[in-house]
């Protein structure tokens, strides 16, 4: 259900480009929130003989696609939506093309929105450790705020992070990392059950029941 909109948008884009079931065959692979599966899935697609490899799973998916294509030496074009820009990488099929969403640039806007809504409540950042998105947002957050940074990359760590935020009466700025987007139902549920105000990177969190986001990006477009 949660992938219905992105898939519909992808198919619509294919139609606008003049491709349909008669002229193009599409194979879908889903990691089902397990980012560690992405390299294997990308390799499977490369080995299946595709001409184009499109990724919508953020940085992890784009990196997996780039690595698989580069290792294969095959002239496959990579199309991406990600928080880093692989378009300058030398790939056999030519430069990757797509949309680069640099979420750290939007972080000051999210913090400003949180302050307007919550006043002087302490702010904390929820990030994943040792990721491109997390490191960039952590650095930006540190320049603007002196609040806590809660690291969470698993269900257990998410529960602990929101409990800590509740204990310290903090509001949480949730990273744009794909892990949180994929698990947005759980993130929103934990924020509510722990009575932690949260500001999210994408409006899909609001559609999942979250309080507010400050991004104009839509993961389905």
C-alpha atoms as a PDB file:
ATOM      1  CA  UNK A   1       0.000   0.000   0.000  1.00  0.00           C
ATOM      2  CA  UNK A   2       2.715   2.513   0.934  1.00  0.00           C
ATOM      3  CA  UNK A   3       4.419   1.976  -2.440  1.00  0.00           C
ATOM      4  CA  UNK A   4       1.268   2.495  -4.487  1.00  0.00           C
ATOM      5  CA  UNK A   5       1.867   6.221  -5.043  1.00  0.00           C
ATOM      6  CA  UNK A   6       5.566   5.977  -6.033  1.00  0.00           C
ATOM      7  CA  UNK A   7       4.809   3.097  -8.413  1.00  0.00           C
ATOM      8  CA  UNK A   8       1.883   4.979  -9.954  1.00  0.00           C
ATOM      9  CA  UNK A   9       4.070   8.071 -10.391  1.00  0.00           C
ATOM     10  CA  UNK A  10       6.822   5.973 -11.997  1.00  0.00           C
ATOM     11  CA  UNK A  11       4.374   4.393 -14.434  1.00  0.00           C
ATOM     12  CA  UNK A  12       2.926   7.795 -15.263  1.00  0.00           C
ATOM     13  CA  UNK A  13       6.409   9.119 -15.975  1.00  0.00           C
ATOM     14  CA  UNK A  14       7.107   6.153 -18.231  1.00  0.00           C
ATOM     15  CA  UNK A  15       3.863   6.851 -20.106  1.00  0.00           C
ATOM     16  CA  UNK A  16       4.748  10.526 -20.532  1.00  0.00           C
ATOM     17  CA  UNK A  17       8.113   9.467 -21.936  1.00  0.00           C
ATOM     18  CA  UNK A  18       6.327   7.350 -24.538  1.00  0.00           C
ATOM     19  CA  UNK A  19       7.035   3.963 -22.955  1.00  0.00           C
ATOM     20  CA  UNK A  20       4.270   1.448 -22.290  1.00  0.00           C
ATOM     21  CA  UNK A  21       3.896  -2.297 -21.770  1.00  0.00           C
ATOM     22  CA  UNK A  22       4.345  -2.867 -25.490  1.00  0.00           C
ATOM     23  CA  UNK A  23       7.630  -0.973 -25.746  1.00  0.00           C
ATOM     24  CA  UNK A  24       9.226  -1.466 -22.312  1.00  0.00           C
ATOM     25  CA  UNK A  25       9.414  -4.263 -19.777  1.00  0.00           C
ATOM     26  CA  UNK A  26       9.662  -3.179 -16.146  1.00  0.00           C
ATOM     27  CA  UNK A  27      11.017  -5.382 -13.342  1.00  0.00           C
ATOM     28  CA  UNK A  28      10.451  -4.263  -9.746  1.00  0.00           C
ATOM     29  CA  UNK A  29      12.603  -5.188  -6.749  1.00  0.00           C
ATOM     30  CA  UNK A  30      11.647  -4.228  -3.198  1.00  0.00           C
ATOM     31  CA  UNK A  31      13.929  -4.254  -0.155  1.00  0.00           C
ATOM     32  CA  UNK A  32      10.933  -4.118   2.233  1.00  0.00           C
ATOM     33  CA  UNK A  33      12.696  -1.678   4.578  1.00  0.00           C
ATOM     34  CA  UNK A  34      15.870  -3.816   4.725  1.00  0.00           C
ATOM     35  CA  UNK A  35      18.543  -1.506   3.294  1.00  0.00           C
ATOM     36  CA  UNK A  36      21.172  -4.259   3.513  1.00  0.00           C
ATOM     37  CA  UNK A  37      19.339  -6.093   0.724  1.00  0.00           C
ATOM     38  CA  UNK A  38      19.804  -3.232  -1.749  1.00  0.00           C
ATOM     39  CA  UNK A  39      23.247  -4.224  -3.122  1.00  0.00           C
ATOM     40  CA  UNK A  40      22.007  -7.756  -3.843  1.00  0.00           C
ATOM     41  CA  UNK A  41      18.828  -6.495  -5.485  1.00  0.00           C
ATOM     42  CA  UNK A  42      20.758  -4.028  -7.644  1.00  0.00           C
ATOM     43  CA  UNK A  43      23.162  -6.765  -8.709  1.00  0.00           C
ATOM     44  CA  UNK A  44      20.245  -9.053  -9.606  1.00  0.00           C
ATOM     45  CA  UNK A  45      18.782  -6.367 -11.849  1.00  0.00           C
ATOM     46  CA  UNK A  46      22.114  -5.646 -13.510  1.00  0.00           C
ATOM     47  CA  UNK A  47      22.670  -9.330 -14.201  1.00  0.00           C
ATOM     48  CA  UNK A  48      19.147  -9.671 -15.641  1.00  0.00           C
ATOM     49  CA  UNK A  49      20.157  -7.477 -18.572  1.00  0.00           C
ATOM     50  CA  UNK A  50      18.284  -4.231 -17.906  1.00  0.00           C
ATOM     51  CA  UNK A  51      19.082  -1.118 -19.943  1.00  0.00           C
ATOM     52  CA  UNK A  52      18.052   1.379 -17.244  1.00  0.00           C
ATOM     53  CA  UNK A  53      18.243   1.037 -13.457  1.00  0.00           C
ATOM     54  CA  UNK A  54      15.909   3.450 -11.632  1.00  0.00           C
ATOM     55  CA  UNK A  55      16.125   3.914  -7.857  1.00  0.00           C
ATOM     56  CA  UNK A  56      13.690   5.647  -5.501  1.00  0.00           C
ATOM     57  CA  UNK A  57      15.049   4.449  -2.158  1.00  0.00           C
ATOM     58  CA  UNK A  58      17.268   7.431  -1.408  1.00  0.00           C
ATOM     59  CA  UNK A  59      21.028   7.389  -0.945  1.00  0.00           C
ATOM     60  CA  UNK A  60      21.338   3.688  -0.112  1.00  0.00           C
ATOM     61  CA  UNK A  61      19.466   2.606  -3.245  1.00  0.00           C
ATOM     62  CA  UNK A  62      21.287   5.043  -5.518  1.00  0.00           C
ATOM     63  CA  UNK A  63      24.666   3.972  -4.159  1.00  0.00           C
ATOM     64  CA  UNK A  64      23.785   0.292  -4.581  1.00  0.00           C
ATOM     65  CA  UNK A  65      22.776   0.909  -8.210  1.00  0.00           C
ATOM     66  CA  UNK A  66      25.930   2.891  -8.990  1.00  0.00           C
ATOM     67  CA  UNK A  67      28.173   0.261  -7.391  1.00  0.00           C
ATOM     68  CA  UNK A  68      26.463  -2.621  -9.207  1.00  0.00           C
ATOM     69  CA  UNK A  69      26.631  -0.930 -12.608  1.00  0.00           C
ATOM     70  CA  UNK A  70      30.232   0.147 -12.151  1.00  0.00           C
ATOM     71  CA  UNK A  71      31.311  -3.354 -11.077  1.00  0.00           C
ATOM     72  CA  UNK A  72      29.552  -4.971 -14.028  1.00  0.00           C
ATOM     73  CA  UNK A  73      31.077  -2.760 -16.699  1.00  0.00           C
ATOM     74  CA  UNK A  74      27.742  -2.862 -18.558  1.00  0.00           C
ATOM     75  CA  UNK A  75      26.396   0.280 -20.325  1.00  0.00           C
ATOM     76  CA  UNK A  76      23.390   0.680 -18.009  1.00  0.00           C
ATOM     77  CA  UNK A  77      21.986   4.133 -17.278  1.00  0.00           C
ATOM     78  CA  UNK A  78      21.195   4.920 -13.633  1.00  0.00           C
ATOM     79  CA  UNK A  79      18.236   7.159 -12.763  1.00  0.00           C
ATOM     80  CA  UNK A  80      17.984   8.294  -9.139  1.00  0.00           C
ATOM     81  CA  UNK A  81      16.185  10.296  -6.474  1.00  0.00           C
ATOM     82  CA  UNK A  82      18.667  10.656  -3.629  1.00  0.00           C
ATOM     83  CA  UNK A  83      20.321  12.887  -1.067  1.00  0.00           C
ATOM     84  CA  UNK A  84      23.636  12.710  -2.861  1.00  0.00           C
ATOM     85  CA  UNK A  85      24.517  13.416  -6.467  1.00  0.00           C
ATOM     86  CA  UNK A  86      26.104  10.536  -8.396  1.00  0.00           C
ATOM     87  CA  UNK A  87      25.815  12.326 -11.749  1.00  0.00           C
ATOM     88  CA  UNK A  88      29.537  13.134 -11.838  1.00  0.00           C
ATOM     89  CA  UNK A  89      30.568   9.504 -11.407  1.00  0.00           C
ATOM     90  CA  UNK A  90      32.119   7.743 -14.383  1.00  0.00           C
ATOM     91  CA  UNK A  91      29.771   4.892 -15.278  1.00  0.00           C
ATOM     92  CA  UNK A  92      29.901   2.609 -18.334  1.00  0.00           C
ATOM     93  CA  UNK A  93      26.483   3.736 -19.593  1.00  0.00           C
ATOM     94  CA  UNK A  94      27.112   7.435 -19.042  1.00  0.00           C
ATOM     95  CA  UNK A  95      26.408   9.802 -16.120  1.00  0.00           C
ATOM     96  CA  UNK A  96      23.592   8.991 -13.713  1.00  0.00           C
ATOM     97  CA  UNK A  97      20.620  11.343 -14.041  1.00  0.00           C
ATOM     98  CA  UNK A  98      17.920  12.265 -11.567  1.00  0.00           C
ATOM     99  CA  UNK A  99      16.893  14.465  -8.664  1.00  0.00           C
ATOM    100  CA  UNK A 100      19.345  15.441  -5.930  1.00  0.00           C
ATOM    101  CA  UNK A 101      17.528  16.218  -2.653  1.00  0.00           C
ATOM    102  CA  UNK A 102      20.045  17.771  -0.271  1.00  0.00           C
ATOM    103  CA  UNK A 103      18.062  17.574   2.955  1.00  0.00           C
ATOM    104  CA  UNK A 104      20.633  19.323   5.164  1.00  0.00           C
ATOM    105  CA  UNK A 105      19.899  22.597   3.349  1.00  0.00           C
ATOM    106  CA  UNK A 106      16.272  22.379   4.499  1.00  0.00           C
ATOM    107  CA  UNK A 107      17.222  21.656   8.118  1.00  0.00           C
ATOM    108  CA  UNK A 108      17.356  25.328   9.226  1.00  0.00           C
ATOM    109  CA  UNK A 109      13.817  25.729   7.899  1.00  0.00           C
ATOM    110  CA  UNK A 110      12.670  22.706   9.901  1.00  0.00           C
ATOM    111  CA  UNK A 111      14.291  24.080  13.044  1.00  0.00           C
ATOM    112  CA  UNK A 112      12.687  27.486  12.516  1.00  0.00           C
ATOM    113  CA  UNK A 113       9.289  25.840  12.076  1.00  0.00           C
ATOM    114  CA  UNK A 114       9.781  23.815  15.269  1.00  0.00           C
ATOM    115  CA  UNK A 115      10.704  26.944  17.222  1.00  0.00           C
ATOM    116  CA  UNK A 116       7.659  28.803  15.915  1.00  0.00           C
ATOM    117  CA  UNK A 117       5.370  25.947  16.936  1.00  0.00           C
ATOM    118  CA  UNK A 118       7.017  24.920  20.195  1.00  0.00           C
ATOM    119  CA  UNK A 119       8.671  28.036  21.573  1.00  0.00           C
ATOM    120  CA  UNK A 120      11.694  27.445  23.791  1.00  0.00           C
ATOM    121  CA  UNK A 121      11.299  23.685  24.082  1.00  0.00           C
ATOM    122  CA  UNK A 122      14.695  21.899  23.823  1.00  0.00           C
ATOM    123  CA  UNK A 123      15.433  20.533  20.343  1.00  0.00           C
ATOM    124  CA  UNK A 124      17.052  17.189  19.549  1.00  0.00           C
ATOM    125  CA  UNK A 125      18.009  15.525  16.261  1.00  0.00           C
ATOM    126  CA  UNK A 126      17.237  11.930  15.315  1.00  0.00           C
ATOM    127  CA  UNK A 127      19.839  10.519  12.898  1.00  0.00           C
ATOM    128  CA  UNK A 128      21.413   7.260  11.787  1.00  0.00           C
ATOM    129  CA  UNK A 129      25.080   6.780  12.569  1.00  0.00           C
ATOM    130  CA  UNK A 130      27.720   6.829   9.809  1.00  0.00           C
ATOM    131  CA  UNK A 131      25.449   7.687   6.894  1.00  0.00           C
ATOM    132  CA  UNK A 132      25.825  10.472   4.332  1.00  0.00           C
ATOM    133  CA  UNK A 133      22.479  12.036   5.227  1.00  0.00           C
ATOM    134  CA  UNK A 134      22.972  11.644   8.977  1.00  0.00           C
ATOM    135  CA  UNK A 135      26.493  13.095   9.004  1.00  0.00           C
ATOM    136  CA  UNK A 136      25.448  16.096   6.912  1.00  0.00           C
ATOM    137  CA  UNK A 137      22.365  16.864   8.997  1.00  0.00           C
ATOM    138  CA  UNK A 138      24.232  16.288  12.262  1.00  0.00           C
ATOM    139  CA  UNK A 139      26.847  18.838  11.210  1.00  0.00           C
ATOM    140  CA  UNK A 140      24.224  21.397  10.208  1.00  0.00           C
ATOM    141  CA  UNK A 141      22.258  20.834  13.420  1.00  0.00           C
ATOM    142  CA  UNK A 142      25.387  21.311  15.555  1.00  0.00           C
ATOM    143  CA  UNK A 143      26.065  24.689  13.925  1.00  0.00           C
ATOM    144  CA  UNK A 144      22.567  25.928  14.769  1.00  0.00           C
ATOM    145  CA  UNK A 145      21.592  24.126  17.970  1.00  0.00           C
ATOM    146  CA  UNK A 146      23.286  22.810  21.084  1.00  0.00           C
ATOM    147  CA  UNK A 147      20.719  20.047  21.609  1.00  0.00           C
ATOM    148  CA  UNK A 148      21.117  16.285  21.870  1.00  0.00           C
ATOM    149  CA  UNK A 149      21.612  13.993  18.892  1.00  0.00           C
ATOM    150  CA  UNK A 150      19.872  10.620  19.220  1.00  0.00           C
ATOM    151  CA  UNK A 151      21.257   7.861  16.998  1.00  0.00           C
ATOM    152  CA  UNK A 152      18.815   5.187  15.902  1.00  0.00           C
ATOM    153  CA  UNK A 153      19.159   2.631  13.129  1.00  0.00           C
ATOM    154  CA  UNK A 154      16.981  -0.189  14.444  1.00  0.00           C
ATOM    155  CA  UNK A 155      13.608  -0.741  16.091  1.00  0.00           C
ATOM    156  CA  UNK A 156      15.223  -1.042  19.520  1.00  0.00           C
ATOM    157  CA  UNK A 157      17.242   2.147  19.065  1.00  0.00           C
ATOM    158  CA  UNK A 158      14.183   4.043  17.835  1.00  0.00           C
ATOM    159  CA  UNK A 159      12.244   3.098  20.966  1.00  0.00           C
ATOM    160  CA  UNK A 160      15.164   4.137  23.173  1.00  0.00           C
ATOM    161  CA  UNK A 161      15.593   7.448  21.333  1.00  0.00           C
ATOM    162  CA  UNK A 162      11.984   8.520  21.769  1.00  0.00           C
ATOM    163  CA  UNK A 163      11.965   7.445  25.410  1.00  0.00           C
ATOM    164  CA  UNK A 164      15.047   9.615  25.978  1.00  0.00           C
ATOM    165  CA  UNK A 165      13.397  12.552  24.201  1.00  0.00           C
ATOM    166  CA  UNK A 166      10.327  12.147  26.393  1.00  0.00           C
ATOM    167  CA  UNK A 167      12.464  12.019  29.522  1.00  0.00           C
ATOM    168  CA  UNK A 168      14.277  15.236  28.555  1.00  0.00           C
ATOM    169  CA  UNK A 169      11.048  16.889  27.317  1.00  0.00           C
ATOM    170  CA  UNK A 170      12.626  17.439  23.905  1.00  0.00           C
ATOM    171  CA  UNK A 171      11.109  18.060  20.518  1.00  0.00           C
ATOM    172  CA  UNK A 172      12.708  15.947  17.803  1.00  0.00           C
ATOM    173  CA  UNK A 173      13.818  16.900  14.311  1.00  0.00           C
ATOM    174  CA  UNK A 174      13.712  13.644  12.343  1.00  0.00           C
ATOM    175  CA  UNK A 175      16.422  13.097   9.741  1.00  0.00           C
ATOM    176  CA  UNK A 176      15.522  12.697   6.057  1.00  0.00           C
ATOM    177  CA  UNK A 177      17.374   9.374   6.055  1.00  0.00           C
ATOM    178  CA  UNK A 178      15.592   6.664   3.997  1.00  0.00           C
ATOM    179  CA  UNK A 179      15.517   4.378   7.054  1.00  0.00           C
ATOM    180  CA  UNK A 180      13.072   6.718   8.800  1.00  0.00           C
ATOM    181  CA  UNK A 181      11.055   7.302   5.655  1.00  0.00           C
ATOM    182  CA  UNK A 182      10.682   3.555   5.116  1.00  0.00           C
ATOM    183  CA  UNK A 183       9.662   3.138   8.752  1.00  0.00           C
ATOM    184  CA  UNK A 184       7.594   6.315   9.011  1.00  0.00           C
ATOM    185  CA  UNK A 185       4.549   4.534  10.458  1.00  0.00           C
ATOM    186  CA  UNK A 186       6.617   3.317  13.388  1.00  0.00           C
ATOM    187  CA  UNK A 187       8.445   6.647  13.820  1.00  0.00           C
ATOM    188  CA  UNK A 188       5.157   8.554  13.953  1.00  0.00           C
ATOM    189  CA  UNK A 189       3.645   5.995  16.326  1.00  0.00           C
ATOM    190  CA  UNK A 190       6.614   6.215  18.710  1.00  0.00           C
ATOM    191  CA  UNK A 191       6.553  10.013  18.682  1.00  0.00           C
ATOM    192  CA  UNK A 192       2.865  10.005  19.602  1.00  0.00           C
ATOM    193  CA  UNK A 193       3.043   7.265  22.218  1.00  0.00           C
ATOM    194  CA  UNK A 194       5.956   9.028  23.931  1.00  0.00           C
ATOM    195  CA  UNK A 195       4.278  12.448  23.577  1.00  0.00           C
ATOM    196  CA  UNK A 196       7.294  13.827  21.721  1.00  0.00           C
ATOM    197  CA  UNK A 197       6.621  16.694  19.278  1.00  0.00           C
ATOM    198  CA  UNK A 198       8.371  15.906  15.988  1.00  0.00           C
ATOM    199  CA  UNK A 199       9.120  17.747  12.765  1.00  0.00           C
ATOM    200  CA  UNK A 200       9.704  15.559   9.723  1.00  0.00           C
ATOM    201  CA  UNK A 201      11.516  15.981   6.425  1.00  0.00           C
ATOM    202  CA  UNK A 202       8.758  14.729   4.115  1.00  0.00           C
ATOM    203  CA  UNK A 203       5.030  15.282   3.927  1.00  0.00           C
ATOM    204  CA  UNK A 204       4.501  11.500   3.738  1.00  0.00           C
ATOM    205  CA  UNK A 205       5.111  11.496   7.506  1.00  0.00           C
ATOM    206  CA  UNK A 206       2.147  13.846   7.919  1.00  0.00           C
ATOM    207  CA  UNK A 207       0.055  11.556   5.734  1.00  0.00           C
ATOM    208  CA  UNK A 208       1.079   8.753   8.110  1.00  0.00           C
ATOM    209  CA  UNK A 209      -0.303  10.764  11.047  1.00  0.00           C
ATOM    210  CA  UNK A 210       2.689  12.919  11.978  1.00  0.00           C
ATOM    211  CA  UNK A 211       2.333  16.494  13.143  1.00  0.00           C
ATOM    212  CA  UNK A 212       4.222  18.577  10.597  1.00  0.00           C
ATOM    213  CA  UNK A 213       6.873  18.593   7.908  1.00  0.00           C
ATOM    214  CA  UNK A 214       8.623  21.516   6.236  1.00  0.00           C
ATOM    215  CA  UNK A 215       9.456  19.954   2.887  1.00  0.00           C
ATOM    216  CA  UNK A 216       7.830  20.519  -0.459  1.00  0.00           C
ATOM    217  CA  UNK A 217       9.318  17.281  -1.779  1.00  0.00           C
ATOM    218  CA  UNK A 218       6.897  14.450  -2.485  1.00  0.00           C
ATOM    219  CA  UNK A 219       8.314  10.949  -2.561  1.00  0.00           C
ATOM    220  CA  UNK A 220       5.670   9.911  -5.089  1.00  0.00           C
ATOM    221  CA  UNK A 221       6.658  12.442  -7.752  1.00  0.00           C
END
